[in-house]
């Protein structure tokens, strides 16, 4: 997907488009602090009709989200505070990738050695106070 700049477009519409155009269920969100990675993930969880409200797992590293039936729908990782990528193996990162569920990863550059080849990269950038650029690879 070419870069698109969104202004006054519903975040829900953007989330729906990202989910529909993703090449895989593993989405790596790239962008500086404040570009809207967590906001986009919250919107994607809403589109997927998660029973839970999305929050940033910065301190817990991973949050698990469920369907209204209690099945696991998605995992949300935030690797910002990771000091060494091998720390990700301590909580079984590879097992999460083998499940048939959505996986949203913030700060994927902290674990590049462990990412599967078939991830969808979502690049976010601040254009100005009200606009963001978004590109899928």
N, C-alpha and C. Protein backbone atom coordinates (compact mmCIF):
# COMPACT_ATOMS: atom_id res chain seq x y z
N UNK A 1 0.86 -1.17 0.00
CA UNK A 1 0.00 0.00 0.00
C UNK A 1 0.90 1.22 0.00
N UNK A 2 0.60 2.15 -0.85
CA UNK A 2 1.33 3.40 -0.84
C UNK A 2 1.00 4.16 0.42
N UNK A 3 1.86 5.11 0.76
CA UNK A 3 1.59 5.92 1.95
C UNK A 3 0.33 6.73 1.73
N UNK A 4 -0.48 6.74 2.75
CA UNK A 4 -1.69 7.55 2.73
C UNK A 4 -1.63 8.51 3.90
N UNK A 5 -2.13 9.69 3.71
CA UNK A 5 -2.20 10.68 4.79
C UNK A 5 -3.67 10.83 5.13
N UNK A 6 -3.97 10.65 6.41
CA UNK A 6 -5.35 10.70 6.86
C UNK A 6 -5.60 11.96 7.66
N UNK A 7 -6.63 12.68 7.30
CA UNK A 7 -7.06 13.85 8.05
C UNK A 7 -8.57 13.82 8.11
N UNK A 8 -9.09 13.93 9.29
CA UNK A 8 -10.53 13.92 9.52
C UNK A 8 -11.18 12.66 8.96
N UNK A 9 -10.47 11.57 9.00
CA UNK A 9 -11.00 10.27 8.64
C UNK A 9 -11.12 9.49 9.94
N UNK A 10 -12.17 8.75 10.06
CA UNK A 10 -12.39 7.97 11.27
C UNK A 10 -11.27 6.96 11.48
N UNK A 11 -10.76 6.89 12.68
CA UNK A 11 -9.72 5.90 13.01
C UNK A 11 -10.27 4.50 12.80
N UNK A 12 -11.57 4.34 12.98
CA UNK A 12 -12.20 3.04 12.74
C UNK A 12 -12.10 2.66 11.27
N UNK A 13 -12.30 3.61 10.38
CA UNK A 13 -12.17 3.35 8.95
C UNK A 13 -10.74 2.97 8.59
N UNK A 14 -9.79 3.66 9.18
CA UNK A 14 -8.38 3.37 8.93
C UNK A 14 -8.04 1.97 9.44
N UNK A 15 -8.50 1.64 10.65
CA UNK A 15 -8.24 0.32 11.23
C UNK A 15 -8.82 -0.77 10.35
N UNK A 16 -10.03 -0.56 9.87
CA UNK A 16 -10.69 -1.55 9.01
C UNK A 16 -9.87 -1.75 7.73
N UNK A 17 -9.37 -0.67 7.16
CA UNK A 17 -8.57 -0.76 5.93
C UNK A 17 -7.25 -1.49 6.18
N UNK A 18 -6.59 -1.18 7.29
CA UNK A 18 -5.32 -1.85 7.61
C UNK A 18 -5.56 -3.35 7.77
N UNK A 19 -6.58 -3.73 8.52
CA UNK A 19 -6.86 -5.15 8.74
C UNK A 19 -7.19 -5.86 7.43
N UNK A 20 -7.95 -5.22 6.57
CA UNK A 20 -8.35 -5.87 5.32
C UNK A 20 -7.18 -5.99 4.34
N UNK A 21 -6.20 -5.11 4.43
CA UNK A 21 -5.08 -5.15 3.50
C UNK A 21 -3.84 -5.84 4.06
N UNK A 22 -3.90 -6.27 5.29
CA UNK A 22 -2.74 -6.94 5.90
C UNK A 22 -2.47 -8.27 5.20
N UNK A 23 -1.19 -8.56 5.00
CA UNK A 23 -0.78 -9.81 4.36
C UNK A 23 -0.76 -10.98 5.35
N UNK A 24 -0.76 -10.66 6.62
CA UNK A 24 -0.72 -11.69 7.65
C UNK A 24 -1.42 -11.16 8.90
N UNK A 25 -1.58 -12.03 9.88
CA UNK A 25 -2.21 -11.62 11.14
C UNK A 25 -1.19 -11.06 12.12
N UNK A 26 0.08 -11.00 11.72
CA UNK A 26 1.12 -10.41 12.57
C UNK A 26 1.44 -9.04 12.02
N UNK A 27 1.05 -8.00 12.76
CA UNK A 27 1.26 -6.62 12.32
C UNK A 27 2.32 -5.97 13.20
N UNK A 28 3.38 -5.47 12.57
CA UNK A 28 4.45 -4.77 13.26
C UNK A 28 4.25 -3.28 13.02
N UNK A 29 4.01 -2.55 14.10
CA UNK A 29 3.75 -1.11 13.98
C UNK A 29 5.02 -0.33 14.28
N UNK A 30 5.46 0.43 13.29
CA UNK A 30 6.68 1.21 13.39
C UNK A 30 6.31 2.69 13.47
N UNK A 31 7.03 3.42 14.29
CA UNK A 31 6.81 4.86 14.37
C UNK A 31 7.37 5.39 15.68
N UNK A 32 7.68 6.65 15.65
CA UNK A 32 8.20 7.30 16.86
C UNK A 32 7.11 7.35 17.93
N UNK A 33 7.52 7.67 19.13
CA UNK A 33 6.59 7.87 20.23
C UNK A 33 5.57 8.95 19.82
N UNK A 34 4.31 8.66 20.04
CA UNK A 34 3.28 9.64 19.75
C UNK A 34 2.72 9.63 18.34
N UNK A 35 3.09 8.63 17.54
CA UNK A 35 2.56 8.58 16.17
C UNK A 35 1.18 7.94 16.09
N UNK A 36 0.76 7.28 17.17
CA UNK A 36 -0.57 6.69 17.18
C UNK A 36 -0.61 5.19 17.06
N UNK A 37 0.48 4.51 17.37
CA UNK A 37 0.51 3.05 17.27
C UNK A 37 -0.55 2.41 18.18
N UNK A 38 -0.55 2.78 19.44
CA UNK A 38 -1.51 2.20 20.39
C UNK A 38 -2.94 2.60 20.01
N UNK A 39 -3.14 3.81 19.58
CA UNK A 39 -4.47 4.27 19.16
C UNK A 39 -4.98 3.43 18.00
N UNK A 40 -4.13 3.15 17.03
CA UNK A 40 -4.53 2.32 15.90
C UNK A 40 -4.84 0.90 16.35
N UNK A 41 -4.04 0.36 17.24
CA UNK A 41 -4.30 -1.00 17.74
C UNK A 41 -5.64 -1.05 18.47
N UNK A 42 -5.92 -0.05 19.29
CA UNK A 42 -7.22 0.00 19.99
C UNK A 42 -8.36 -0.01 18.98
N UNK A 43 -8.22 0.75 17.90
CA UNK A 43 -9.26 0.82 16.87
C UNK A 43 -9.38 -0.52 16.15
N UNK A 44 -8.26 -1.19 15.89
CA UNK A 44 -8.32 -2.50 15.23
C UNK A 44 -9.02 -3.52 16.12
N UNK A 45 -8.76 -3.46 17.42
CA UNK A 45 -9.44 -4.36 18.35
C UNK A 45 -10.94 -4.10 18.35
N UNK A 46 -11.31 -2.84 18.26
CA UNK A 46 -12.73 -2.49 18.20
C UNK A 46 -13.37 -3.04 16.92
N UNK A 47 -12.69 -2.88 15.79
CA UNK A 47 -13.18 -3.41 14.52
C UNK A 47 -13.33 -4.93 14.59
N UNK A 48 -12.39 -5.59 15.25
CA UNK A 48 -12.43 -7.05 15.39
C UNK A 48 -13.44 -7.51 16.43
N UNK A 49 -14.10 -6.54 17.07
CA UNK A 49 -15.13 -6.78 18.08
C UNK A 49 -14.59 -7.51 19.31
N UNK A 50 -13.43 -7.06 19.77
CA UNK A 50 -12.86 -7.61 21.00
C UNK A 50 -13.76 -7.28 22.18
N UNK A 51 -13.84 -8.19 23.11
CA UNK A 51 -14.63 -7.98 24.32
C UNK A 51 -13.92 -7.02 25.27
N UNK A 52 -12.62 -6.86 25.08
CA UNK A 52 -11.79 -6.03 25.94
C UNK A 52 -11.47 -4.71 25.26
N UNK A 53 -11.20 -3.69 26.06
CA UNK A 53 -10.75 -2.41 25.53
C UNK A 53 -9.23 -2.44 25.48
N UNK A 54 -8.66 -2.05 24.37
CA UNK A 54 -7.21 -2.07 24.22
C UNK A 54 -6.52 -1.05 25.10
N UNK A 55 -5.43 -1.49 25.72
CA UNK A 55 -4.57 -0.60 26.50
C UNK A 55 -3.12 -0.92 26.16
N UNK A 56 -2.24 -0.02 26.44
CA UNK A 56 -0.83 -0.25 26.15
C UNK A 56 -0.23 -1.21 27.17
N UNK A 57 0.44 -2.26 26.69
CA UNK A 57 1.06 -3.22 27.61
C UNK A 57 2.50 -2.86 27.94
N UNK A 58 2.84 -1.59 27.97
CA UNK A 58 4.23 -1.16 28.16
C UNK A 58 4.89 -1.83 29.35
N UNK A 59 4.20 -1.92 30.47
CA UNK A 59 4.84 -2.49 31.65
C UNK A 59 4.70 -4.00 31.73
N UNK A 60 3.66 -4.54 31.13
CA UNK A 60 3.46 -5.98 31.15
C UNK A 60 3.98 -6.68 29.91
N UNK A 61 4.47 -5.97 28.95
CA UNK A 61 4.98 -6.42 27.66
C UNK A 61 3.88 -6.93 26.74
N UNK A 62 2.93 -7.74 27.23
CA UNK A 62 1.90 -8.29 26.35
C UNK A 62 0.52 -8.23 27.02
N UNK A 63 -0.48 -7.88 26.22
CA UNK A 63 -1.88 -7.94 26.64
C UNK A 63 -2.57 -8.96 25.75
N UNK A 64 -3.51 -9.66 26.33
CA UNK A 64 -4.29 -10.66 25.60
C UNK A 64 -5.73 -10.16 25.51
N UNK A 65 -6.31 -10.26 24.32
CA UNK A 65 -7.68 -9.80 24.10
C UNK A 65 -8.54 -10.96 23.62
N UNK A 66 -9.81 -10.94 23.99
CA UNK A 66 -10.71 -12.05 23.74
C UNK A 66 -11.94 -11.63 22.94
N UNK A 67 -12.58 -12.63 22.34
CA UNK A 67 -13.88 -12.43 21.71
C UNK A 67 -14.92 -12.41 22.83
N UNK A 68 -16.13 -12.09 22.49
CA UNK A 68 -17.20 -12.11 23.50
C UNK A 68 -17.47 -13.53 23.99
N UNK A 69 -17.04 -14.54 23.23
CA UNK A 69 -17.18 -15.94 23.64
C UNK A 69 -16.02 -16.42 24.51
N UNK A 70 -15.05 -15.54 24.74
CA UNK A 70 -13.92 -15.88 25.59
C UNK A 70 -12.71 -16.46 24.87
N UNK A 71 -12.79 -16.61 23.54
CA UNK A 71 -11.66 -17.12 22.79
C UNK A 71 -10.61 -16.03 22.61
N UNK A 72 -9.35 -16.43 22.52
CA UNK A 72 -8.28 -15.45 22.30
C UNK A 72 -8.42 -14.89 20.89
N UNK A 73 -8.47 -13.58 20.80
CA UNK A 73 -8.62 -12.87 19.53
C UNK A 73 -7.30 -12.28 19.07
N UNK A 74 -6.55 -11.69 20.02
CA UNK A 74 -5.34 -10.97 19.65
C UNK A 74 -4.40 -10.84 20.83
N UNK A 75 -3.13 -10.65 20.49
CA UNK A 75 -2.10 -10.32 21.47
C UNK A 75 -1.51 -8.98 21.04
N UNK A 76 -1.20 -8.16 22.02
CA UNK A 76 -0.63 -6.83 21.77
C UNK A 76 0.67 -6.73 22.57
N UNK A 77 1.78 -6.65 21.85
CA UNK A 77 3.10 -6.55 22.47
C UNK A 77 3.61 -5.12 22.37
N UNK A 78 4.27 -4.67 23.42
CA UNK A 78 4.96 -3.38 23.41
C UNK A 78 6.37 -3.64 23.92
N UNK A 79 7.34 -3.62 23.00
CA UNK A 79 8.72 -3.95 23.35
C UNK A 79 9.58 -2.72 23.65
N UNK A 80 8.96 -1.60 23.88
CA UNK A 80 9.71 -0.37 24.11
C UNK A 80 10.73 -0.52 25.24
N UNK A 81 10.35 -1.15 26.32
CA UNK A 81 11.23 -1.26 27.49
C UNK A 81 12.16 -2.47 27.46
N UNK A 82 12.15 -3.22 26.38
CA UNK A 82 13.03 -4.38 26.27
C UNK A 82 14.48 -3.92 26.16
N UNK A 83 15.35 -4.48 26.98
CA UNK A 83 16.76 -4.12 26.94
C UNK A 83 17.55 -4.99 25.97
N UNK A 84 17.12 -6.23 25.82
CA UNK A 84 17.80 -7.18 24.95
C UNK A 84 16.74 -8.05 24.31
N UNK A 85 16.86 -8.30 23.00
CA UNK A 85 15.81 -9.04 22.32
C UNK A 85 15.60 -10.45 22.86
N UNK A 86 16.62 -11.03 23.47
CA UNK A 86 16.44 -12.38 24.01
C UNK A 86 15.46 -12.41 25.19
N UNK A 87 15.19 -11.25 25.79
CA UNK A 87 14.18 -11.18 26.85
C UNK A 87 12.81 -11.61 26.32
N UNK A 88 12.58 -11.39 25.03
CA UNK A 88 11.30 -11.76 24.43
C UNK A 88 11.09 -13.27 24.44
N UNK A 89 12.17 -14.01 24.41
CA UNK A 89 12.06 -15.47 24.43
C UNK A 89 11.66 -15.98 25.80
N UNK A 90 11.94 -15.20 26.84
CA UNK A 90 11.63 -15.62 28.21
C UNK A 90 10.14 -15.83 28.44
N UNK A 91 9.29 -15.17 27.67
CA UNK A 91 7.85 -15.37 27.86
C UNK A 91 7.23 -16.09 26.67
N UNK A 92 8.04 -16.82 25.90
CA UNK A 92 7.51 -17.68 24.84
C UNK A 92 7.01 -16.98 23.60
N UNK A 93 7.72 -15.96 23.16
CA UNK A 93 7.31 -15.17 22.00
C UNK A 93 6.96 -16.04 20.79
N UNK A 94 7.80 -17.01 20.51
CA UNK A 94 7.61 -17.84 19.32
C UNK A 94 6.28 -18.59 19.34
N UNK A 95 5.82 -18.96 20.52
CA UNK A 95 4.54 -19.66 20.64
C UNK A 95 3.37 -18.76 20.21
N UNK A 96 3.46 -17.48 20.52
CA UNK A 96 2.41 -16.54 20.12
C UNK A 96 2.30 -16.47 18.60
N UNK A 97 3.43 -16.55 17.91
CA UNK A 97 3.44 -16.46 16.45
C UNK A 97 2.82 -17.70 15.80
N UNK A 98 2.79 -18.81 16.51
CA UNK A 98 2.27 -20.06 15.95
C UNK A 98 0.77 -20.22 16.14
N UNK A 99 0.14 -19.31 16.87
CA UNK A 99 -1.30 -19.38 17.07
C UNK A 99 -2.02 -18.69 15.91
N UNK A 100 -3.23 -19.11 15.65
CA UNK A 100 -4.03 -18.49 14.60
C UNK A 100 -4.83 -17.34 15.21
N UNK A 101 -4.12 -16.28 15.53
CA UNK A 101 -4.73 -15.11 16.16
C UNK A 101 -3.99 -13.86 15.68
N UNK A 102 -4.59 -12.72 15.88
CA UNK A 102 -3.93 -11.47 15.52
C UNK A 102 -2.83 -11.18 16.53
N UNK A 103 -1.71 -10.67 16.04
CA UNK A 103 -0.59 -10.26 16.90
C UNK A 103 -0.19 -8.86 16.46
N UNK A 104 -0.30 -7.91 17.39
CA UNK A 104 0.08 -6.52 17.13
C UNK A 104 1.34 -6.23 17.92
N UNK A 105 2.37 -5.72 17.24
CA UNK A 105 3.66 -5.50 17.88
C UNK A 105 4.09 -4.05 17.74
N UNK A 106 4.26 -3.39 18.89
CA UNK A 106 4.86 -2.05 18.90
C UNK A 106 6.35 -2.22 19.18
N UNK A 107 7.15 -1.40 18.53
CA UNK A 107 8.60 -1.42 18.65
C UNK A 107 9.19 -2.76 18.19
N UNK A 108 8.79 -3.24 17.00
CA UNK A 108 9.29 -4.53 16.51
C UNK A 108 10.79 -4.53 16.22
N UNK A 109 11.36 -3.36 16.05
CA UNK A 109 12.81 -3.28 15.80
C UNK A 109 13.62 -3.80 16.98
N UNK A 110 13.00 -3.96 18.12
CA UNK A 110 13.68 -4.49 19.31
C UNK A 110 13.81 -6.02 19.26
N UNK A 111 13.07 -6.68 18.33
CA UNK A 111 13.10 -8.15 18.27
C UNK A 111 13.27 -8.65 16.83
N UNK A 112 13.95 -7.93 16.00
CA UNK A 112 14.03 -8.26 14.57
C UNK A 112 14.48 -9.69 14.29
N UNK A 113 15.37 -10.24 15.09
CA UNK A 113 15.86 -11.61 14.86
C UNK A 113 14.79 -12.66 15.02
N UNK A 114 13.72 -12.34 15.74
CA UNK A 114 12.70 -13.34 16.05
C UNK A 114 11.42 -13.18 15.24
N UNK A 115 11.34 -12.14 14.42
CA UNK A 115 10.12 -11.92 13.64
C UNK A 115 10.02 -12.91 12.49
N UNK A 116 8.83 -13.49 12.29
CA UNK A 116 8.65 -14.37 11.13
C UNK A 116 8.75 -13.56 9.84
N UNK A 117 8.98 -14.24 8.74
CA UNK A 117 9.14 -13.57 7.45
C UNK A 117 7.84 -12.97 6.93
N UNK A 118 6.71 -13.51 7.36
CA UNK A 118 5.43 -13.11 6.78
C UNK A 118 4.66 -12.07 7.60
N UNK A 119 5.35 -11.14 8.22
CA UNK A 119 4.67 -10.09 8.97
C UNK A 119 4.19 -8.99 8.03
N UNK A 120 3.22 -8.22 8.49
CA UNK A 120 2.80 -7.02 7.79
C UNK A 120 3.36 -5.84 8.57
N UNK A 121 4.15 -5.03 7.92
CA UNK A 121 4.71 -3.85 8.56
C UNK A 121 3.81 -2.65 8.33
N UNK A 122 3.50 -1.94 9.40
CA UNK A 122 2.68 -0.75 9.36
C UNK A 122 3.56 0.41 9.81
N UNK A 123 3.83 1.34 8.92
CA UNK A 123 4.70 2.47 9.23
C UNK A 123 3.83 3.70 9.45
N UNK A 124 3.99 4.33 10.60
CA UNK A 124 3.25 5.53 10.94
C UNK A 124 4.22 6.68 11.11
N UNK A 125 3.81 7.86 10.66
CA UNK A 125 4.63 9.05 10.90
C UNK A 125 3.72 10.25 11.12
N UNK A 126 4.21 11.18 11.91
CA UNK A 126 3.47 12.41 12.17
C UNK A 126 3.70 13.35 11.00
N UNK A 127 2.61 13.79 10.39
CA UNK A 127 2.69 14.80 9.33
C UNK A 127 2.61 16.18 10.00
N UNK A 128 1.59 16.34 10.82
CA UNK A 128 1.45 17.54 11.65
C UNK A 128 0.52 17.16 12.81
N UNK A 129 0.06 18.12 13.54
CA UNK A 129 -0.72 17.85 14.74
C UNK A 129 -1.99 17.05 14.48
N UNK A 130 -2.58 17.17 13.31
CA UNK A 130 -3.84 16.50 13.03
C UNK A 130 -3.75 15.42 11.96
N UNK A 131 -2.58 15.22 11.36
CA UNK A 131 -2.45 14.24 10.29
C UNK A 131 -1.31 13.26 10.56
N UNK A 132 -1.54 12.02 10.10
CA UNK A 132 -0.54 10.97 10.19
C UNK A 132 -0.37 10.33 8.82
N UNK A 133 0.83 9.92 8.53
CA UNK A 133 1.08 9.14 7.33
C UNK A 133 1.08 7.67 7.72
N UNK A 134 0.60 6.82 6.82
CA UNK A 134 0.53 5.40 7.10
C UNK A 134 0.89 4.64 5.83
N UNK A 135 1.73 3.63 5.98
CA UNK A 135 2.14 2.81 4.84
C UNK A 135 2.23 1.37 5.31
N UNK A 136 1.72 0.46 4.48
CA UNK A 136 1.80 -0.98 4.77
C UNK A 136 2.82 -1.61 3.84
N UNK A 137 3.60 -2.51 4.37
CA UNK A 137 4.54 -3.32 3.57
C UNK A 137 4.25 -4.78 3.81
